[in-house]
Protein backbone atom coordinates (compact mmCIF):
# COMPACT_ATOMS: atom_id res chain seq x y z
CA MET A 1 20.08 -28.41 -93.11
CA ALA A 2 18.76 -26.08 -90.45
CA ALA A 3 19.10 -25.59 -86.74
CA LEU A 4 22.50 -27.23 -86.65
CA GLY A 5 23.77 -24.09 -85.08
CA ALA A 6 22.30 -20.74 -86.06
CA CYS A 7 21.22 -21.55 -89.62
CA GLU A 8 17.44 -21.36 -90.05
CA THR A 9 17.08 -22.77 -93.57
CA ILE A 10 15.97 -26.37 -93.97
CA ASN A 11 14.97 -28.82 -96.70
CA ALA A 12 12.77 -27.29 -99.39
CA SER A 13 11.12 -30.59 -100.19
CA LEU A 14 11.75 -34.29 -100.17
CA GLN A 15 11.70 -34.17 -103.97
CA ASP A 16 14.79 -31.96 -103.92
CA VAL A 17 16.54 -34.61 -101.89
CA ALA A 18 15.38 -37.44 -104.12
CA ASN A 19 16.54 -35.65 -107.28
CA GLY A 20 20.09 -35.02 -106.13
CA ASP A 21 22.67 -36.10 -103.63
CA PRO A 22 20.61 -37.19 -100.64
CA GLY A 23 23.14 -35.57 -98.38
CA VAL A 24 22.55 -32.13 -99.90
CA VAL A 25 19.38 -30.49 -98.65
CA LYS A 26 18.48 -27.72 -101.05
CA THR A 27 17.06 -24.31 -100.21
CA GLY A 28 15.29 -21.69 -102.26
CA TYR A 29 11.94 -19.90 -102.50
CA LEU A 30 8.36 -21.05 -102.41
CA PRO A 31 6.52 -20.71 -105.77
CA GLY A 32 4.24 -17.74 -106.27
CA PRO A 33 4.47 -13.98 -106.58
CA ALA A 34 5.66 -13.42 -103.01
CA ARG A 35 8.77 -15.55 -103.55
CA GLU A 36 8.81 -16.42 -99.85
CA PRO A 37 12.13 -17.87 -98.65
CA VAL A 38 12.04 -21.62 -98.10
CA THR A 39 12.55 -22.08 -94.38
CA PHE A 40 11.29 -24.68 -91.95
CA ASP A 41 8.99 -22.17 -90.24
CA ASN A 42 7.46 -21.00 -93.54
CA LEU A 43 6.82 -24.52 -94.73
CA GLN A 44 5.36 -25.56 -91.37
CA LYS A 45 3.24 -22.51 -90.63
CA ASN A 46 0.01 -24.26 -91.66
CA ASP A 47 0.76 -27.40 -89.66
CA PRO A 48 -1.17 -27.26 -86.37
CA GLN A 49 1.31 -29.65 -84.73
CA ALA A 50 4.25 -27.38 -85.51
CA SER A 51 3.07 -24.84 -82.93
CA ILE A 52 3.71 -27.41 -80.18
CA GLY A 53 7.27 -28.06 -81.30
CA ARG A 54 7.86 -24.36 -81.91
CA SER A 55 6.79 -23.44 -78.37
CA GLN A 56 8.97 -26.14 -76.79
CA HIS A 57 12.06 -25.62 -78.96
CA PRO A 58 13.55 -22.74 -76.91
CA LYS A 59 13.07 -24.76 -73.71
CA ILE A 60 14.90 -27.72 -75.24
CA LEU A 61 17.81 -25.49 -76.27
CA ALA A 62 17.99 -24.01 -72.77
CA ALA A 63 17.96 -27.44 -71.11
CA TYR A 64 20.65 -28.90 -73.34
CA GLY A 65 23.17 -26.07 -73.65
CA GLY A 66 21.94 -24.71 -76.97
CA ALA A 67 22.67 -25.95 -80.49
CA TYR A 68 26.07 -27.31 -81.48
CA SER A 69 27.43 -25.94 -84.76
CA ASP A 70 30.01 -27.76 -86.89
CA PRO A 71 29.66 -27.58 -90.70
CA LYS A 72 31.39 -30.91 -91.31
CA LEU A 73 29.17 -32.65 -88.75
CA GLU A 74 26.09 -30.95 -90.19
CA GLN A 75 26.85 -32.31 -93.64
CA THR A 76 27.29 -35.80 -92.21
CA ILE A 77 23.90 -35.65 -90.48
CA ALA A 78 22.31 -34.09 -93.60
CA THR A 79 23.44 -37.06 -95.67
CA ILE A 80 21.80 -39.49 -93.25
CA VAL A 81 18.58 -37.49 -92.98
CA GLY A 82 18.42 -37.11 -96.75
CA ARG A 83 18.56 -40.88 -97.30
CA LEU A 84 15.91 -41.49 -94.66
CA SER A 85 13.64 -38.73 -96.00
CA ALA A 86 13.73 -40.23 -99.49
CA VAL A 87 12.03 -43.41 -98.23
CA THR A 88 9.71 -41.98 -95.57
CA ASP A 89 6.15 -43.19 -94.96
CA ASP A 90 5.17 -39.53 -94.54
CA PRO A 91 6.37 -37.80 -97.75
CA ASN A 92 4.76 -34.46 -96.89
CA ARG A 93 6.60 -34.15 -93.59
CA ILE A 94 9.72 -31.99 -93.30
CA TYR A 95 12.06 -32.00 -90.35
CA ARG A 96 14.14 -29.58 -88.36
CA ILE A 97 17.19 -31.42 -87.01
CA THR A 98 19.10 -29.90 -84.10
CA VAL A 99 22.36 -31.23 -82.71
CA LEU A 100 22.32 -30.26 -79.04
CA ASN A 101 25.49 -29.07 -77.32
CA SER A 102 25.23 -31.60 -74.52
CA PRO A 103 27.37 -34.53 -73.36
CA ASN A 104 24.20 -36.37 -72.34
CA VAL A 105 23.35 -39.31 -74.60
CA ASN A 106 19.87 -38.64 -75.96
CA ALA A 107 17.65 -38.23 -79.00
CA PHE A 108 13.97 -37.32 -79.15
CA ALA A 109 11.27 -35.69 -81.24
CA LEU A 110 8.57 -33.06 -80.79
CA PRO A 111 5.31 -32.74 -82.78
CA GLY A 112 5.69 -30.85 -86.03
CA GLY A 113 8.94 -32.46 -87.19
CA TYR A 114 11.36 -31.20 -84.56
CA LEU A 115 14.13 -33.80 -84.13
CA TYR A 116 17.00 -33.61 -81.65
CA VAL A 117 20.20 -35.55 -81.13
CA THR A 118 22.95 -34.70 -78.65
CA ARG A 119 26.66 -34.64 -79.45
CA GLY A 120 26.97 -37.13 -76.58
CA LEU A 121 24.95 -39.65 -78.58
CA LEU A 122 26.89 -38.90 -81.76
CA ALA A 123 30.14 -39.60 -79.87
CA LEU A 124 28.83 -43.01 -78.79
CA ALA A 125 27.58 -44.01 -82.27
CA ASN A 126 30.08 -45.81 -84.49
CA ASP A 127 28.68 -45.45 -87.99
CA SER A 128 26.04 -43.75 -90.14
CA ALA A 129 23.70 -46.73 -89.86
CA GLU A 130 23.47 -46.40 -86.08
CA VAL A 131 22.66 -42.69 -86.30
CA ALA A 132 20.15 -43.45 -89.09
CA ALA A 133 18.46 -46.00 -86.79
CA VAL A 134 18.19 -43.41 -84.00
CA LEU A 135 16.83 -40.67 -86.26
CA ALA A 136 14.41 -43.02 -88.05
CA HIS A 137 13.10 -44.10 -84.65
CA GLU A 138 12.42 -40.46 -83.77
CA MET A 139 10.83 -39.85 -87.18
CA GLY A 140 8.56 -42.78 -86.36
CA HIS A 141 7.36 -40.98 -83.24
CA VAL A 142 6.50 -37.93 -85.35
CA THR A 143 4.76 -39.95 -88.09
CA ALA A 144 2.68 -41.88 -85.54
CA ASN A 145 1.74 -38.68 -83.67
CA HIS A 146 3.09 -40.15 -80.43
CA GLY A 147 3.88 -36.72 -79.04
CA ILE A 148 0.25 -35.64 -79.40
CA GLU A 149 -1.06 -38.88 -77.92
CA ARG A 150 1.35 -38.75 -74.99
CA GLN A 151 0.42 -35.16 -74.25
CA ARG A 152 -3.27 -36.05 -74.12
CA ARG A 153 -2.72 -39.09 -71.92
CA GLU A 154 -0.43 -37.24 -69.53
CA ALA A 155 -3.00 -34.45 -69.18
CA ALA A 156 -5.72 -37.02 -68.46
CA ALA A 157 -3.50 -38.85 -65.96
CA GLU A 158 -2.66 -35.59 -64.20
CA LEU A 159 -6.36 -34.74 -63.86
CA ALA A 160 -7.15 -38.24 -62.59
CA GLY A 161 -4.28 -38.01 -60.12
CA ARG A 162 -5.63 -34.75 -58.68
CA VAL A 163 -9.10 -36.25 -58.28
CA VAL A 164 -7.75 -39.31 -56.48
CA SER A 165 -5.41 -37.37 -54.21
CA GLU A 166 -7.97 -34.66 -53.35
CA VAL A 167 -11.16 -36.71 -53.12
CA LEU A 168 -9.87 -40.14 -52.09
CA GLU A 169 -6.96 -39.15 -49.90
CA SER A 170 -7.41 -41.96 -47.38
CA ASP A 171 -9.01 -44.45 -49.72
CA SER A 172 -6.65 -47.36 -50.41
CA ALA A 173 -8.76 -48.47 -53.38
CA GLY A 174 -8.46 -45.00 -54.86
CA ARG A 175 -4.70 -45.00 -54.41
CA ALA A 176 -4.54 -48.40 -56.06
CA ALA A 177 -6.57 -47.08 -59.01
CA LEU A 178 -4.14 -44.19 -59.36
CA ALA A 179 -1.18 -46.60 -59.33
CA ARG A 180 -2.84 -48.73 -62.02
CA GLY A 181 -3.43 -45.62 -64.12
CA ARG A 182 0.24 -44.71 -63.92
CA LEU A 183 1.23 -48.23 -64.90
CA ASN A 184 -1.10 -48.06 -67.90
CA LEU A 185 0.46 -44.77 -68.94
CA ALA A 186 3.94 -46.31 -68.68
CA SER A 187 2.80 -49.34 -70.65
CA PHE A 188 1.43 -47.12 -73.40
CA SER A 189 4.77 -45.34 -73.57
CA ARG A 190 6.59 -48.66 -74.02
CA ASN A 191 4.19 -49.54 -76.81
CA GLN A 192 5.00 -46.25 -78.48
CA GLU A 193 8.70 -47.03 -78.28
CA LEU A 194 8.22 -50.47 -79.81
CA GLU A 195 6.08 -49.04 -82.61
CA ALA A 196 8.71 -46.38 -83.33
CA ASP A 197 11.37 -49.13 -83.29
CA ALA A 198 9.53 -51.12 -85.96
CA MET A 199 8.88 -48.06 -88.13
CA GLY A 200 12.45 -46.82 -87.75
CA ILE A 201 14.10 -50.15 -88.58
CA LYS A 202 12.00 -50.51 -91.72
CA GLN A 203 12.88 -46.98 -92.81
CA THR A 204 16.57 -47.58 -92.06
CA GLY A 205 16.55 -50.79 -94.13
CA ARG A 206 14.69 -49.17 -97.04
CA ALA A 207 17.29 -46.39 -97.07
CA GLY A 208 19.95 -49.04 -97.67
CA TYR A 209 21.51 -48.87 -94.22
CA ASP A 210 22.30 -51.87 -92.04
CA SER A 211 18.94 -52.78 -90.52
CA TYR A 212 20.70 -54.40 -87.54
CA ALA A 213 22.10 -51.02 -86.49
CA ALA A 214 19.18 -50.38 -84.11
CA ALA A 215 19.81 -53.59 -82.16
CA ARG A 216 23.54 -52.86 -82.18
CA PHE A 217 23.07 -49.38 -80.77
CA LEU A 218 20.65 -50.62 -78.10
CA LYS A 219 23.42 -52.96 -76.95
CA ALA A 220 25.85 -50.03 -76.93
CA MET A 221 23.38 -48.14 -74.73
CA ASP A 222 23.31 -51.08 -72.35
CA SER A 223 27.10 -50.97 -72.11
CA TYR A 224 26.92 -47.23 -71.55
CA SER A 225 24.45 -47.70 -68.68
CA GLN A 226 26.98 -49.91 -66.90
CA PHE A 227 29.78 -47.40 -67.41
CA ARG A 228 27.82 -44.19 -66.80
CA THR A 229 28.88 -43.70 -63.18
CA ALA A 230 31.84 -41.72 -64.46
CA PHE A 231 29.71 -39.73 -66.92
CA GLN A 232 26.49 -39.35 -64.97
CA ALA A 233 23.85 -37.26 -66.73
CA GLU A 234 23.26 -33.91 -65.03
CA ASN A 235 19.54 -34.64 -65.04
CA PRO A 236 18.12 -38.16 -65.48
CA ASN A 237 15.24 -36.70 -67.50
CA LEU A 238 17.78 -35.44 -70.06
CA ASP A 239 19.28 -38.86 -70.57
CA PHE A 240 18.48 -41.38 -73.31
CA LEU A 241 18.26 -44.23 -70.80
CA ALA A 242 15.42 -42.54 -68.93
CA THR A 243 13.22 -42.35 -72.03
CA HIS A 244 14.50 -45.22 -74.17
CA PRO A 245 14.83 -48.32 -71.95
CA ALA A 246 17.07 -50.88 -73.66
CA ALA A 247 15.43 -54.06 -72.41
CA PRO A 248 16.73 -57.38 -73.80
CA GLN A 249 13.28 -58.08 -75.26
CA ARG A 250 13.48 -54.83 -77.18
CA MET A 251 16.85 -55.81 -78.65
CA GLU A 252 15.40 -59.17 -79.70
CA LEU A 253 12.44 -57.49 -81.39
CA ALA A 254 14.79 -55.09 -83.17
CA GLU A 255 16.81 -58.01 -84.55
CA ARG A 256 13.61 -59.74 -85.66
CA HIS A 257 12.52 -56.67 -87.65
CA ALA A 258 16.03 -56.39 -89.10
CA ARG A 259 15.93 -59.93 -90.50
CA GLU A 260 13.27 -58.83 -92.98
CA PHE A 261 16.08 -57.13 -94.91
CA GLY A 262 18.41 -60.12 -94.93
CA PRO A 263 21.25 -61.47 -92.80
CA ALA A 264 23.58 -59.25 -90.78
CA GLY A 265 26.04 -57.39 -92.98
CA THR A 266 23.54 -56.83 -95.81
CA GLY A 267 23.15 -53.07 -95.47
CA LYS A 268 25.48 -50.06 -95.59
CA VAL A 269 27.20 -48.91 -92.37
CA ASP A 270 29.30 -46.04 -93.79
CA ARG A 271 31.67 -46.11 -90.81
CA ASP A 272 34.66 -44.20 -92.17
CA ARG A 273 32.56 -41.35 -93.57
CA TYR A 274 30.74 -41.03 -90.25
CA LEU A 275 33.94 -41.06 -88.21
CA SER A 276 35.38 -38.39 -90.49
CA GLY A 277 32.28 -36.28 -89.81
CA ILE A 278 32.61 -36.42 -86.02
CA ASP A 279 36.41 -36.08 -85.96
CA GLY A 280 37.13 -32.99 -83.86
CA MET A 281 33.65 -32.83 -82.28
CA LEU A 282 33.56 -31.51 -78.72
CA PHE A 283 33.42 -34.27 -76.11
CA GLY A 284 32.20 -33.96 -72.53
CA ASP A 285 31.90 -30.60 -70.81
CA SER A 286 32.36 -27.23 -72.45
CA ALA A 287 34.46 -24.34 -71.13
CA VAL A 288 31.33 -22.68 -69.74
CA GLU A 289 30.76 -25.66 -67.43
CA GLY A 290 34.39 -26.29 -66.50
CA TYR A 291 36.41 -29.44 -67.09
CA VAL A 292 36.85 -32.69 -65.21
CA ARG A 293 40.33 -34.10 -65.69
CA GLY A 294 40.85 -37.34 -63.80
CA HIS A 295 40.45 -36.50 -60.10
CA SER A 296 40.54 -32.73 -60.56
CA PHE A 297 38.04 -30.07 -61.59
CA TYR A 298 39.13 -26.95 -63.48
CA HIS A 299 37.02 -23.94 -64.37
CA PRO A 300 38.98 -21.51 -66.56
CA GLY A 301 36.16 -18.95 -66.60
CA LEU A 302 35.97 -18.76 -62.81
CA GLY A 303 39.72 -19.31 -62.52
CA ILE A 304 39.48 -22.05 -59.87
CA THR A 305 40.47 -25.69 -59.39
CA PHE A 306 40.34 -28.43 -56.74
CA GLY A 307 40.94 -32.17 -56.50
CA VAL A 308 39.34 -35.21 -54.88
CA PRO A 309 41.06 -38.32 -53.49
CA THR A 310 41.87 -41.41 -55.52
CA GLY A 311 38.83 -43.66 -55.67
CA PHE A 312 36.39 -40.77 -56.11
CA VAL A 313 34.49 -40.04 -59.31
CA ILE A 314 33.66 -36.43 -60.24
CA GLU A 315 30.42 -35.57 -62.01
CA ASN A 316 30.07 -32.06 -63.41
CA THR A 317 26.41 -30.99 -63.45
CA ALA A 318 24.69 -27.72 -64.32
CA GLU A 319 23.99 -26.90 -60.67
CA ALA A 320 27.06 -28.24 -58.90
CA VAL A 321 30.13 -30.45 -59.10
CA LEU A 322 29.45 -33.76 -57.38
CA ALA A 323 31.92 -36.42 -56.29
CA THR A 324 31.24 -39.84 -54.85
CA GLY A 325 33.69 -42.15 -53.16
CA PRO A 326 34.17 -45.17 -50.92
CA GLY A 327 32.02 -45.65 -47.84
CA ASP A 328 29.03 -43.71 -49.19
CA THR A 329 31.03 -40.48 -49.09
CA ALA A 330 29.55 -37.68 -51.19
CA ILE A 331 30.92 -34.21 -51.92
CA ARG A 332 29.06 -31.25 -53.40
CA PHE A 333 30.79 -28.10 -54.65
CA ASP A 334 29.04 -24.97 -55.84
CA GLY A 335 29.24 -21.18 -55.68
CA VAL A 336 26.95 -18.34 -54.65
CA ALA A 337 27.24 -14.56 -54.79
CA LEU A 338 28.09 -13.09 -51.39
CA PRO A 339 28.54 -9.35 -50.69
CA THR A 340 31.94 -8.51 -49.26
CA SER A 341 30.10 -6.73 -46.43
CA THR A 342 28.75 -10.09 -45.18
CA SER A 343 31.22 -12.02 -43.05
CA LEU A 344 31.71 -15.73 -43.81
CA THR A 345 30.85 -16.58 -40.21
CA ASP A 346 27.53 -14.71 -40.45
CA TYR A 347 26.82 -16.43 -43.75
CA VAL A 348 27.53 -19.93 -42.44
CA THR A 349 25.33 -19.36 -39.37
CA SER A 350 22.51 -17.65 -41.29
CA GLY A 351 20.30 -20.75 -41.35
CA TRP A 352 20.96 -22.44 -44.69
CA ILE A 353 22.81 -25.35 -43.02
CA GLY A 354 20.39 -27.68 -41.24
CA GLY A 355 21.65 -29.29 -38.03
CA LEU A 356 24.62 -26.91 -37.75
CA ASP A 357 26.76 -27.22 -34.60
CA PRO A 358 27.52 -23.54 -33.80
CA ALA A 359 30.50 -24.54 -31.66
CA SER A 360 32.15 -26.14 -34.70
CA VAL A 361 32.39 -22.92 -36.75
CA ARG A 362 36.05 -22.06 -37.38
CA LEU A 363 37.80 -19.28 -39.29
CA GLU A 364 40.51 -20.67 -41.56
CA LYS A 365 42.85 -19.86 -44.41
CA ILE A 366 42.90 -21.92 -47.62
CA GLY A 367 46.18 -20.73 -49.08
CA ASP A 368 45.77 -16.95 -49.01
CA LEU A 369 41.98 -17.14 -49.17
CA GLU A 370 39.58 -16.47 -46.29
CA ALA A 371 37.50 -19.52 -45.34
CA VAL A 372 35.17 -20.87 -42.66
CA SER A 373 34.57 -24.51 -41.79
CA ALA A 374 31.73 -26.04 -39.78
CA ARG A 375 30.09 -29.35 -38.97
CA ALA A 376 26.45 -30.39 -39.05
CA ALA A 377 24.42 -33.54 -38.50
CA GLY A 378 21.19 -34.82 -39.96
CA GLY A 379 19.62 -38.25 -39.88
CA GLU A 380 22.23 -40.94 -40.37
CA TYR A 381 24.81 -38.56 -41.87
CA VAL A 382 27.32 -36.01 -40.66
CA PHE A 383 28.34 -33.07 -42.82
CA ASP A 384 31.50 -31.03 -43.04
CA VAL A 385 31.06 -27.61 -44.63
CA THR A 386 33.79 -25.29 -45.91
CA VAL A 387 33.04 -21.91 -47.47
CA ILE A 388 35.82 -20.01 -49.26
CA ARG A 389 35.60 -16.37 -50.32
CA VAL A 390 36.94 -15.19 -53.68
CA GLY A 391 35.97 -11.55 -54.17
CA GLY A 392 32.17 -11.33 -54.24
CA GLN A 393 31.81 -15.10 -54.60
CA ALA A 394 31.54 -17.77 -51.93
CA TYR A 395 32.53 -21.30 -52.96
CA ARG A 396 31.00 -24.07 -50.87
CA PHE A 397 32.16 -27.62 -50.18
CA LEU A 398 29.70 -29.97 -48.48
CA THR A 399 31.02 -33.42 -47.55
CA ALA A 400 28.58 -36.08 -46.30
CA LEU A 401 29.48 -39.38 -44.66
CA PRO A 402 27.46 -41.91 -42.63
CA ALA A 403 27.49 -40.92 -38.94
CA LYS A 404 28.97 -44.28 -37.89
CA VAL A 405 32.21 -43.38 -39.68
CA GLY A 406 31.80 -39.63 -39.37
CA ALA A 407 35.28 -39.06 -37.99
CA GLU A 408 36.64 -39.72 -41.48
CA ALA A 409 34.49 -36.96 -42.98
CA GLY A 410 36.74 -34.26 -41.54
CA LYS A 411 39.83 -35.80 -43.12
CA VAL A 412 38.23 -36.10 -46.56
CA ALA A 413 36.59 -32.67 -46.39
CA GLY A 414 39.78 -30.99 -45.20
CA GLY A 415 41.84 -32.56 -47.96
CA VAL A 416 39.42 -31.55 -50.70
CA ALA A 417 38.86 -28.00 -49.41
CA ASN A 418 42.59 -27.42 -48.96
CA SER A 419 43.21 -28.43 -52.57
CA PHE A 420 41.10 -25.45 -53.73
CA ARG A 421 43.15 -22.70 -55.36
CA LEU A 422 43.09 -20.03 -58.03
CA LEU A 423 44.38 -20.86 -61.49
CA THR A 424 47.26 -18.89 -62.94
CA GLU A 425 46.79 -17.11 -66.26
CA ALA A 426 49.15 -19.63 -67.86
CA GLU A 427 47.07 -22.54 -66.53
CA LYS A 428 43.84 -21.00 -67.77
CA SER A 429 45.25 -20.49 -71.25
CA GLN A 430 46.50 -24.09 -71.40
CA LEU A 431 43.12 -25.64 -70.55
CA LYS A 432 41.42 -26.90 -73.67
CA PRO A 433 38.20 -28.85 -74.21
CA LEU A 434 38.30 -32.55 -74.99
CA ARG A 435 37.36 -33.66 -78.48
CA ILE A 436 36.71 -36.84 -80.42
CA ARG A 437 39.81 -37.64 -82.46
CA VAL A 438 39.85 -40.38 -85.07
CA VAL A 439 43.10 -42.31 -85.40
CA ALA A 440 44.16 -45.23 -87.60
CA ALA A 441 45.59 -48.30 -85.89
CA ARG A 442 49.17 -49.12 -86.90
CA GLY A 443 50.58 -52.63 -87.20
CA ALA A 444 51.97 -52.82 -83.66
CA ASP A 445 49.01 -51.05 -82.02
CA THR A 446 46.86 -52.71 -79.35
CA VAL A 447 43.80 -51.62 -77.41
CA ASP A 448 46.15 -50.62 -74.58
CA SER A 449 48.49 -48.57 -76.77
CA ILE A 450 45.71 -46.59 -78.44
CA ALA A 451 43.70 -46.14 -75.22
CA ALA A 452 46.82 -44.76 -73.55
CA ARG A 453 46.65 -41.82 -75.97
CA MET A 454 43.35 -40.68 -74.44
CA ASP A 455 43.30 -37.47 -72.38
CA GLY A 456 41.12 -36.32 -69.53
CA VAL A 457 39.19 -39.54 -68.84
CA ASP A 458 39.39 -42.21 -66.17
CA ARG A 459 39.37 -45.91 -67.01
CA LYS A 460 40.89 -45.24 -70.42
CA MET A 461 40.78 -48.79 -71.75
CA GLU A 462 37.12 -49.27 -70.75
CA MET A 463 36.20 -45.93 -72.30
CA PHE A 464 38.06 -46.76 -75.50
CA ARG A 465 36.25 -50.09 -75.85
CA LEU A 466 32.89 -48.43 -75.14
CA LEU A 467 33.41 -45.66 -77.69
CA ASN A 468 34.44 -48.13 -80.38
CA ASP A 469 31.98 -50.95 -79.64
CA LEU A 470 34.76 -53.39 -78.79
CA GLY A 471 33.93 -56.37 -76.59
CA PRO A 472 36.22 -57.57 -73.78
CA GLY A 473 38.16 -59.87 -76.09
CA ASP A 474 38.12 -57.74 -79.25
CA GLN A 475 41.38 -56.30 -80.55
CA VAL A 476 42.14 -53.39 -82.87
CA ARG A 477 42.95 -54.11 -86.51
CA ALA A 478 45.75 -52.39 -88.42
CA GLY A 479 44.42 -49.81 -90.86
CA GLU A 480 41.03 -49.45 -89.11
CA ASN A 481 39.93 -46.09 -87.73
CA TYR A 482 39.09 -45.68 -84.05
CA LYS A 483 37.79 -42.93 -81.78
CA ILE A 484 39.82 -41.58 -78.90
CA VAL A 485 39.27 -38.61 -76.58
CA ALA A 486 42.01 -35.99 -76.64
CA GLU A 487 42.54 -32.23 -76.51
């Protein structure tokens, strides 16, 4: 198994998989005098499509925080891929599977056999069959050359869009034609998804897995979409829901394809083995991004922390920490380098704040730290800005509130900014990432009692039910394994 971390070696051939344990992907050397090592790149070097995936692979890694390495998890995924590969419609195709170090919930494929799944998706899945359904779906995209077709259509649509916008700028008929073209492109994409669904479900069923897993996971995605406010993706384009719409009709079609393999419960789910494989997997943000713990944000690397009021939800993104609360209140926190020779007052009045009221600029102290606050207005919103200096870094809080209730913005902004402080060395050493932990329910356990053992997440009971695919009335069963989030 390659690209699950730094390892570059991947399956030598599908025959190797078929001849042995399907979870063990063998490596070796290509036949011939050169005895060339068997790697994904060597086996794919004559595939013209592989160049597309190869060129995009570094960009994918950069966008999703790199590859996530965990030998136990890699073996779990290798087992699933091996079973799927043994029954593929494209026996000459080999795949490079990368687990991405991202809390986003996503999976996708690039031409040439490049498959990707995030640890966020693996945390949401509940058994091997669900992961098999996701990976088989992506294999379907590769087999059907959807990536190539989409690239061609997008290029054609882009060209057509330029023609319409440049030549028919004021022509309503031309704009309508452009809109229709975009709708056609979207429709084609939906057709691709449905085709990959059908191919993936058939491959999942042939591999002996529960063919209903695809429909089950689509429903889990729907539940996730309703919960995602607290775990908002840092970029909607990186999120499974943006590229894999889980419409009810799609779930119905998935169940229809699944019935070809028999009634529900016919295939293998392999739940306990899967849960064992993801036990200990990183969950949520990594130390590089900082941690959200309830209503507080901690960044051990930068050595800082702050909190938001009850009723606010914090979202940690690559560019900034965002928080949203009652009354359309929004808070943004980020940091920029600022030379110590530049005063905070000069920085705040240097033009980067639109609608700044110069008379509102005030020198302050946040604890022992130098700070400046100011107020600005724009459109229907008022903004409170606080900038705090820590060495050569300026940390910025921007609080926005509708102008009609703008007087409250100062109270919220002041409370959040004044909660900012430096972490002690002891606090930094105590901060640990959250992980998926698998626990067995005891006789007296309930959903409430197990959910109460979760760390670092809001709405513990809802999160526990979501992670374990438990409906509102479902209860835990003694002896069964369940996922929780803990340090």
